[in-house]
Amino acid sequence: MSALSPAQLTRDLAVRDLSDPAAGPHALQLVVDLAVGALAARWDCAVRWCRGDRIVTVEDNYDNLGYDPADVTRDARYTRYVDERRMLRSHSTATVPAALRALAEDPADDVLLVCPGVVYRRDSIDRLHTGTPHQLDLWRITRGAPMDRTALHGMITALLAALLPGRPERREPRRHPYTLDGVQVDVEHGGEWVEVAECGVAHPEVLARAGLGAGWSGLALGMGLDRMLMLLKGVPDIRLLRSAEPAVLAQLGDLAPYRPVSAMPPVRRDLSIAVGADELAEDLGDRVREALGADADSVESVEILAETPCAALPERALARLGAHPGQKNLLVRIVLRSLGATLSDHEANLLRDRVYAALHRGTVAQWAAGGS
């Protein structure tokens, strides 16, 4: 197991949780309020807020939610471990087991558990993804009439009516370890289907582990708050949600349609690199964020244009990359665009070189800092 260094942990814990009013107002909080208000009014139930800690036990993030001990998501490539027993939560559902245990100690016959917060995950770099997204789990737990698929679809309908009224939507079966009759909810946007929620009937074994046995049932729904806010306001780039640019920041206190701010010109750089044979776009995204730190906000996207097994390359190409046959060669396009200022060629090249140094796993470097 590879654990975070003290410096990495300090950096990650310092990331502002935009969904938390204690960290200052933000439009993400209005999305949460809309969702909670719609469901609480529909069900006339109690509401309990459960923000929880960013550092959770491995048991609550995985075991108590029914994840298989051999699940690939437990690998250190996907999970930010603090030590052998603790980790930075990888989804807001990691807050739910503690919320269920608290409910078992202080029961309510019908309650909506509200679990919002920033989470930490491996992700690619593009306009829709970040390594520190915000999520919201909404679990209705009751010891009244058993919750079933009909109640679940009523929950979905109520949420979509409150948040994205009139949008074309579809619901498809999905499997989650902590639900039965799982469903993925997508809405149409710009001619494409965009996932907005995953949900299902709360798995009885998850409830039982928390002390809620026979007679208890529930509904479980999780959604990405950043994606939902971007759809609501028409925000084109997830980086804008954390922007300090005054013209952008002034628009992040309400749900009014986003008014585009003068865009900086993009700078594109293509890199030919050698990487491990099993590396994915998400791996590259993590390495870029780690290497660039605060400057990662200037990277709009990292896209793999082509990949070739190094074993299929001629000797001259292998020598140029400093690669070995067990690796693969990627042609990667990075798009650099600062949200607040135009990047000079020199600044763009310095960023390109730092990205190259973070990604390339060959023994020969093609770029020199400041090169063209």
Protein backbone atom coordinates (compact mmCIF):
# COMPACT_ATOMS: atom_id res chain seq x y z
CA MET A 1 0.00 0.00 0.00
CA SER A 2 1.27 3.47 -0.93
CA ALA A 3 0.16 6.16 1.53
CA LEU A 4 0.04 9.92 1.03
CA SER A 5 3.01 11.90 2.27
CA PRO A 6 2.34 14.51 5.00
CA ALA A 7 2.73 17.26 2.38
CA GLN A 8 0.25 15.59 0.02
CA LEU A 9 -2.28 15.07 2.81
CA THR A 10 -1.98 18.69 3.94
CA ARG A 11 -2.49 19.88 0.37
CA ASP A 12 -5.54 17.67 -0.20
CA LEU A 13 -7.22 18.60 3.07
CA ALA A 14 -6.73 22.29 2.24
CA VAL A 15 -8.96 22.02 -0.84
CA ARG A 16 -12.04 24.14 -0.19
CA ASP A 17 -15.31 22.25 0.06
CA LEU A 18 -17.61 24.42 -2.07
CA SER A 19 -20.68 22.57 -0.80
CA ASP A 20 -20.04 23.61 2.82
CA PRO A 21 -21.51 26.98 3.91
CA ALA A 22 -18.86 27.15 6.65
CA ALA A 23 -16.27 27.68 3.88
CA GLY A 24 -18.25 30.54 2.33
CA PRO A 25 -21.28 30.76 0.03
CA HIS A 26 -21.32 29.07 -3.37
CA ALA A 27 -23.96 28.08 -5.92
CA LEU A 28 -23.25 24.37 -5.23
CA GLN A 29 -24.99 24.84 -1.89
CA LEU A 30 -28.12 26.08 -3.68
CA VAL A 31 -28.18 22.86 -5.72
CA VAL A 32 -28.07 20.85 -2.48
CA ASP A 33 -30.87 22.95 -0.97
CA LEU A 34 -33.06 22.49 -4.04
CA ALA A 35 -32.62 18.72 -3.98
CA VAL A 36 -33.21 18.38 -0.24
CA GLY A 37 -36.20 20.71 -0.30
CA ALA A 38 -37.88 18.81 -3.10
CA LEU A 39 -37.55 15.41 -1.40
CA ALA A 40 -38.37 16.59 2.11
CA ALA A 41 -41.55 18.24 0.80
CA ARG A 42 -42.52 15.15 -1.21
CA TRP A 43 -42.11 12.80 1.73
CA ASP A 44 -42.81 15.13 4.67
CA CYS A 45 -39.94 13.46 6.53
CA ALA A 46 -37.24 14.57 8.94
CA VAL A 47 -33.92 15.76 7.49
CA ARG A 48 -30.52 14.99 9.01
CA TRP A 49 -27.33 16.55 7.65
CA CYS A 50 -24.25 14.34 7.79
CA ARG A 51 -21.16 16.05 6.40
CA GLY A 52 -18.67 13.72 8.05
CA ASP A 53 -14.89 13.84 7.88
CA ARG A 54 -12.82 13.83 4.71
CA ILE A 55 -10.64 11.13 6.24
CA VAL A 56 -12.71 7.98 6.65
CA THR A 57 -11.94 4.39 7.53
CA VAL A 58 -11.34 1.92 4.74
CA GLU A 59 -14.24 -0.06 6.21
CA ASP A 60 -16.71 2.80 5.74
CA ASN A 61 -15.48 3.64 2.24
CA TYR A 62 -15.62 0.02 1.07
CA ASP A 63 -16.45 -2.85 3.45
CA ASN A 64 -19.53 -1.44 5.14
CA LEU A 65 -20.96 -0.58 1.71
CA GLY A 66 -20.57 -4.14 0.46
CA TYR A 67 -17.53 -3.75 -1.80
CA ASP A 68 -15.71 -6.99 -2.56
CA PRO A 69 -12.33 -7.32 -0.77
CA ALA A 70 -10.70 -7.85 -4.18
CA ASP A 71 -12.38 -4.83 -5.84
CA VAL A 72 -9.90 -3.05 -8.10
CA THR A 73 -10.95 0.36 -6.74
CA ARG A 74 -9.13 -0.47 -3.50
CA ASP A 75 -5.77 -0.37 -5.28
CA ALA A 76 -3.52 2.54 -4.34
CA ARG A 77 -3.70 3.68 -7.97
CA TYR A 78 -7.34 4.59 -7.35
CA THR A 79 -7.39 5.37 -3.63
CA ARG A 80 -5.61 8.02 -1.54
CA TYR A 81 -4.62 6.09 1.57
CA VAL A 82 -3.63 7.95 4.72
CA ASP A 83 -2.45 4.74 6.40
CA GLU A 84 -3.48 1.07 6.47
CA ARG A 85 -6.85 1.81 8.07
CA ARG A 86 -7.75 5.28 6.79
CA MET A 87 -8.13 7.06 3.48
CA LEU A 88 -9.47 10.23 1.91
CA ARG A 89 -13.07 9.43 1.02
CA SER A 90 -13.40 8.53 -2.65
CA HIS A 91 -17.17 9.14 -2.76
CA SER A 92 -19.73 10.86 -0.56
CA THR A 93 -21.33 7.45 0.07
CA ALA A 94 -18.41 6.80 2.45
CA THR A 95 -20.19 9.18 4.87
CA VAL A 96 -23.34 7.06 4.87
CA PRO A 97 -22.33 4.14 7.17
CA ALA A 98 -21.59 6.56 10.03
CA ALA A 99 -24.87 8.36 9.35
CA LEU A 100 -26.73 5.03 9.48
CA ARG A 101 -25.05 4.09 12.77
CA ALA A 102 -26.08 7.43 14.24
CA LEU A 103 -29.65 6.79 13.09
CA ALA A 104 -29.61 3.37 14.77
CA GLU A 105 -28.60 5.05 18.03
CA ASP A 106 -31.19 7.82 17.68
CA PRO A 107 -34.00 6.39 15.52
CA ALA A 108 -36.51 8.33 13.44
CA ASP A 109 -39.34 6.58 11.65
CA ASP A 110 -38.81 8.38 8.35
CA VAL A 111 -35.70 10.44 7.66
CA LEU A 112 -33.71 11.86 4.76
CA LEU A 113 -29.96 11.58 5.33
CA VAL A 114 -28.12 14.36 3.49
CA CYS A 115 -24.40 13.68 2.92
CA PRO A 116 -22.64 16.30 0.74
CA GLY A 117 -18.94 17.05 0.37
CA VAL A 118 -15.74 17.15 -1.61
CA VAL A 119 -14.26 13.75 -2.49
CA TYR A 120 -10.93 12.55 -3.84
CA ARG A 121 -10.60 10.37 -6.89
CA ARG A 122 -8.45 9.48 -9.84
CA ASP A 123 -9.75 11.19 -12.98
CA SER A 124 -8.79 12.36 -16.42
CA ILE A 125 -8.25 16.05 -17.15
CA ASP A 126 -10.88 17.70 -19.32
CA ARG A 127 -13.65 20.27 -19.01
CA LEU A 128 -15.94 17.92 -17.10
CA HIS A 129 -13.57 16.14 -14.69
CA THR A 130 -11.45 17.01 -11.68
CA GLY A 131 -9.60 15.03 -9.02
CA THR A 132 -11.59 16.76 -6.24
CA PRO A 133 -15.25 16.79 -7.29
CA HIS A 134 -18.24 17.41 -5.02
CA GLN A 135 -20.90 14.77 -4.51
CA LEU A 136 -24.21 14.47 -2.69
CA ASP A 137 -25.73 11.31 -1.22
CA LEU A 138 -29.43 11.35 -0.35
CA TRP A 139 -30.72 8.31 1.53
CA ARG A 140 -34.32 7.98 2.69
CA ILE A 141 -34.49 5.52 5.57
CA THR A 142 -37.80 4.39 7.05
CA ARG A 143 -39.33 1.70 9.18
CA GLY A 144 -42.74 2.28 7.65
CA ALA A 145 -43.85 0.92 4.28
CA PRO A 146 -40.97 -0.94 2.61
CA MET A 147 -39.14 1.07 -0.04
CA ASP A 148 -39.24 -0.47 -3.54
CA ARG A 149 -38.60 0.31 -7.20
CA THR A 150 -41.79 2.36 -7.46
CA ALA A 151 -40.65 4.60 -4.60
CA LEU A 152 -37.19 4.83 -6.17
CA HIS A 153 -38.51 6.09 -9.49
CA GLY A 154 -40.72 8.57 -7.67
CA MET A 155 -37.57 9.90 -6.00
CA ILE A 156 -35.83 10.27 -9.37
CA THR A 157 -38.82 12.06 -10.87
CA ALA A 158 -39.02 14.51 -7.98
CA LEU A 159 -35.32 15.35 -8.17
CA LEU A 160 -35.28 15.90 -11.91
CA ALA A 161 -38.38 18.08 -11.71
CA ALA A 162 -36.65 20.26 -9.10
CA LEU A 163 -33.22 20.46 -10.70
CA LEU A 164 -33.54 19.90 -14.45
CA PRO A 165 -37.23 20.33 -15.36
CA GLY A 166 -38.15 19.44 -18.89
CA ARG A 167 -34.82 17.85 -19.83
CA PRO A 168 -35.00 14.59 -21.82
CA GLU A 169 -33.90 11.80 -19.49
CA ARG A 170 -33.26 8.09 -19.45
CA ARG A 171 -32.90 5.47 -16.72
CA GLU A 172 -30.78 2.37 -17.17
CA PRO A 173 -30.02 -0.60 -14.86
CA ARG A 174 -26.73 -0.44 -12.97
CA ARG A 175 -25.19 -2.58 -10.24
CA HIS A 176 -23.91 -1.04 -7.00
CA PRO A 177 -22.70 -3.05 -4.00
CA TYR A 178 -24.84 -0.97 -1.61
CA THR A 179 -28.15 -1.08 -3.55
CA LEU A 180 -30.67 -3.42 -5.10
CA ASP A 181 -32.45 -2.59 -8.38
CA GLY A 182 -29.72 -0.05 -9.17
CA VAL A 183 -30.37 2.68 -11.75
CA GLN A 184 -28.21 5.22 -13.59
CA VAL A 185 -29.95 8.48 -14.52
CA ASP A 186 -28.82 10.44 -17.58
CA VAL A 187 -30.12 13.67 -19.09
CA GLU A 188 -29.68 14.95 -22.62
CA HIS A 189 -27.36 17.92 -23.05
CA GLY A 190 -25.96 19.24 -26.30
CA GLY A 191 -27.01 16.13 -28.17
CA GLU A 192 -25.27 13.80 -25.71
CA TRP A 193 -26.36 11.82 -22.66
CA VAL A 194 -24.79 13.04 -19.43
CA GLU A 195 -24.88 10.96 -16.24
CA VAL A 196 -26.35 12.91 -13.31
CA ALA A 197 -27.14 10.29 -10.64
CA GLU A 198 -26.77 6.67 -9.53
CA CYS A 199 -29.37 5.20 -7.21
CA GLY A 200 -31.24 2.12 -6.01
CA VAL A 201 -33.07 0.53 -3.11
CA ALA A 202 -30.75 0.57 -0.09
CA HIS A 203 -29.22 -2.88 0.35
CA PRO A 204 -30.60 -4.57 3.50
CA GLU A 205 -27.11 -5.85 4.40
CA VAL A 206 -25.72 -2.29 4.43
CA LEU A 207 -28.51 -1.23 6.79
CA ALA A 208 -28.01 -4.30 8.99
CA ARG A 209 -24.27 -3.65 9.37
CA ALA A 210 -25.14 -0.26 10.83
CA GLY A 211 -27.64 -1.73 13.29
CA LEU A 212 -30.81 -1.19 11.24
CA GLY A 213 -32.23 -4.67 10.92
CA ALA A 214 -35.66 -6.10 10.23
CA GLY A 215 -38.33 -3.49 9.56
CA TRP A 216 -35.95 -0.89 8.13
CA SER A 217 -35.67 -0.11 4.41
CA GLY A 218 -34.51 2.76 2.29
CA LEU A 219 -33.63 4.47 -0.97
CA ALA A 220 -30.08 5.49 -1.87
CA LEU A 221 -29.12 8.15 -4.43
CA GLY A 222 -25.80 9.80 -5.20
CA MET A 223 -25.10 12.59 -7.67
CA GLY A 224 -22.26 14.80 -8.83
CA LEU A 225 -22.86 18.34 -7.65
CA ASP A 226 -20.35 19.97 -10.01
CA ARG A 227 -21.94 18.35 -13.06
CA MET A 228 -25.43 19.27 -11.88
CA LEU A 229 -24.49 22.92 -11.33
CA MET A 230 -22.81 23.08 -14.74
CA LEU A 231 -26.00 21.79 -16.36
CA LEU A 232 -28.19 24.16 -14.37
CA LYS A 233 -26.18 27.28 -15.15
CA GLY A 234 -24.63 26.35 -18.48
CA VAL A 235 -21.06 26.53 -17.11
CA PRO A 236 -18.75 25.12 -19.83
CA ASP A 237 -15.66 24.21 -17.78
CA ILE A 238 -15.47 22.62 -14.32
CA ARG A 239 -12.41 24.73 -13.46
CA LEU A 240 -14.64 27.81 -13.49
CA LEU A 241 -16.40 26.60 -10.33
CA ARG A 242 -13.24 27.37 -8.34
CA SER A 243 -12.23 30.45 -10.32
CA ALA A 244 -11.08 33.57 -8.47
CA GLU A 245 -11.58 35.72 -11.59
CA PRO A 246 -13.97 38.50 -10.42
CA ALA A 247 -16.21 38.30 -13.49
CA VAL A 248 -16.63 34.55 -12.93
CA LEU A 249 -16.76 34.60 -9.13
CA ALA A 250 -19.61 37.13 -9.21
CA GLN A 251 -21.74 34.52 -11.02
CA LEU A 252 -21.13 31.67 -8.59
CA GLY A 253 -23.52 32.86 -5.91
CA ASP A 254 -26.76 32.04 -7.73
CA LEU A 255 -28.31 29.66 -10.25
CA ALA A 256 -28.86 32.25 -13.01
CA PRO A 257 -27.54 31.27 -16.47
CA TYR A 258 -23.80 31.66 -16.81
CA ARG A 259 -22.66 34.61 -18.92
CA PRO A 260 -19.43 33.75 -20.75
CA VAL A 261 -16.39 35.70 -19.69
CA SER A 262 -13.90 36.70 -22.38
CA ALA A 263 -12.03 33.46 -23.06
CA MET A 264 -8.27 33.29 -23.16
CA PRO A 265 -6.84 31.70 -26.31
CA PRO A 266 -5.94 28.02 -25.99
CA VAL A 267 -2.38 26.78 -26.52
CA ARG A 268 -1.97 23.24 -27.83
CA ARG A 269 1.10 21.10 -27.45
CA ASP A 270 1.51 17.50 -28.64
CA LEU A 271 3.84 15.13 -26.80
CA SER A 272 5.17 11.71 -27.74
CA ILE A 273 5.87 9.78 -24.56
CA ALA A 274 6.61 6.30 -23.27
CA VAL A 275 4.46 4.99 -20.41
CA GLY A 276 3.56 1.71 -18.76
CA ALA A 277 1.50 -0.66 -20.89
CA ASP A 278 -1.50 -0.46 -18.56
CA GLU A 279 -1.64 3.30 -18.01
CA LEU A 280 -4.89 5.17 -18.74
CA ALA A 281 -5.97 8.79 -19.17
CA GLU A 282 -6.89 8.86 -15.47
CA ASP A 283 -3.32 7.93 -14.52
CA LEU A 284 -1.98 10.76 -16.65
CA GLY A 285 -4.42 13.20 -15.09
CA ASP A 286 -3.33 12.32 -11.58
CA ARG A 287 0.34 12.69 -12.43
CA VAL A 288 -0.18 16.08 -14.07
CA ARG A 289 -2.13 17.41 -11.07
CA GLU A 290 0.53 16.15 -8.68
CA ALA A 291 3.40 17.65 -10.68
CA LEU A 292 1.85 21.04 -11.41
CA GLY A 293 0.10 21.71 -8.11
CA ALA A 294 -1.75 25.05 -8.31
CA ASP A 295 -0.58 25.49 -11.92
CA ALA A 296 -2.71 22.48 -12.94
CA ASP A 297 -5.62 24.92 -13.32
CA SER A 298 -3.93 26.13 -16.52
CA VAL A 299 -4.34 22.69 -18.11
CA GLU A 300 -7.69 22.50 -19.84
CA SER A 301 -7.35 18.95 -21.09
CA VAL A 302 -4.98 16.01 -21.55
CA GLU A 303 -6.12 13.85 -24.46
CA ILE A 304 -4.61 10.61 -25.77
CA LEU A 305 -4.63 10.92 -29.56
CA ALA A 306 -3.00 7.58 -30.35
CA GLU A 307 -1.20 4.71 -28.67
CA THR A 308 1.18 2.10 -30.02
CA PRO A 309 2.86 -0.81 -28.21
CA CYS A 310 6.56 -0.05 -28.05
CA ALA A 311 7.21 -3.58 -29.24
CA ALA A 312 5.73 -2.47 -32.58
CA LEU A 313 8.06 0.56 -32.91
CA PRO A 314 11.26 0.55 -34.97
CA GLU A 315 14.57 0.62 -33.09
CA ARG A 316 15.14 4.26 -34.01
CA ALA A 317 11.84 5.28 -32.39
CA LEU A 318 12.59 3.23 -29.26
CA ALA A 319 15.96 4.92 -28.97
CA ARG A 320 14.43 8.37 -29.46
CA LEU A 321 11.98 7.73 -26.60
CA GLY A 322 14.40 5.82 -24.40
CA ALA A 323 11.65 3.20 -24.20
CA HIS A 324 11.63 -0.57 -23.81
CA PRO A 325 9.33 -3.02 -25.62
CA GLY A 326 7.16 -3.63 -22.54
CA GLN A 327 5.95 -0.01 -22.57
CA LYS A 328 3.61 1.78 -24.97
CA ASN A 329 4.02 5.02 -26.90
CA LEU A 330 1.31 7.65 -26.48
CA LEU A 331 0.72 10.72 -28.60
CA VAL A 332 -0.79 13.11 -26.08
CA ARG A 333 -2.32 16.52 -26.76
CA ILE A 334 -2.35 19.00 -23.90
CA VAL A 335 -4.51 22.10 -24.17
CA LEU A 336 -3.30 24.95 -21.97
CA ARG A 337 -5.66 27.81 -21.20
CA SER A 338 -5.42 30.00 -18.13
CA LEU A 339 -8.81 31.13 -16.84
CA GLY A 340 -7.53 34.60 -16.06
CA ALA A 341 -4.67 35.55 -18.39
CA THR A 342 -3.23 34.77 -21.79
CA LEU A 343 -0.28 32.38 -21.63
CA SER A 344 2.84 33.46 -23.48
CA ASP A 345 4.65 30.90 -25.63
CA HIS A 346 7.41 30.77 -23.03
CA GLU A 347 4.94 30.14 -20.17
CA ALA A 348 3.15 27.49 -22.22
CA ASN A 349 6.41 25.75 -23.04
CA LEU A 350 7.47 25.69 -19.40
CA LEU A 351 4.13 24.08 -18.48
CA ARG A 352 4.47 21.64 -21.38
CA ASP A 353 7.91 20.60 -20.18
CA ARG A 354 6.66 20.03 -16.65
CA VAL A 355 3.80 17.91 -17.99
CA TYR A 356 6.25 15.96 -20.16
CA ALA A 357 8.55 15.33 -17.21
CA ALA A 358 5.59 14.10 -15.13
CA LEU A 359 4.31 11.71 -17.80
CA HIS A 360 7.27 10.37 -19.77
CA ARG A 361 8.73 7.10 -18.48
CA GLY A 362 11.52 6.74 -21.04
CA THR A 363 15.19 7.37 -20.41
CA VAL A 364 15.55 10.07 -23.10
CA ALA A 365 13.89 13.49 -22.80
CA GLN A 366 12.85 15.26 -25.98
CA TRP A 367 12.00 18.64 -24.45
CA ALA A 368 14.33 21.16 -22.83
CA ALA A 369 12.72 23.83 -20.61
CA GLY A 370 11.75 26.83 -22.67
CA GLY A 371 12.07 24.97 -25.98
CA SER A 372 9.63 25.54 -28.82
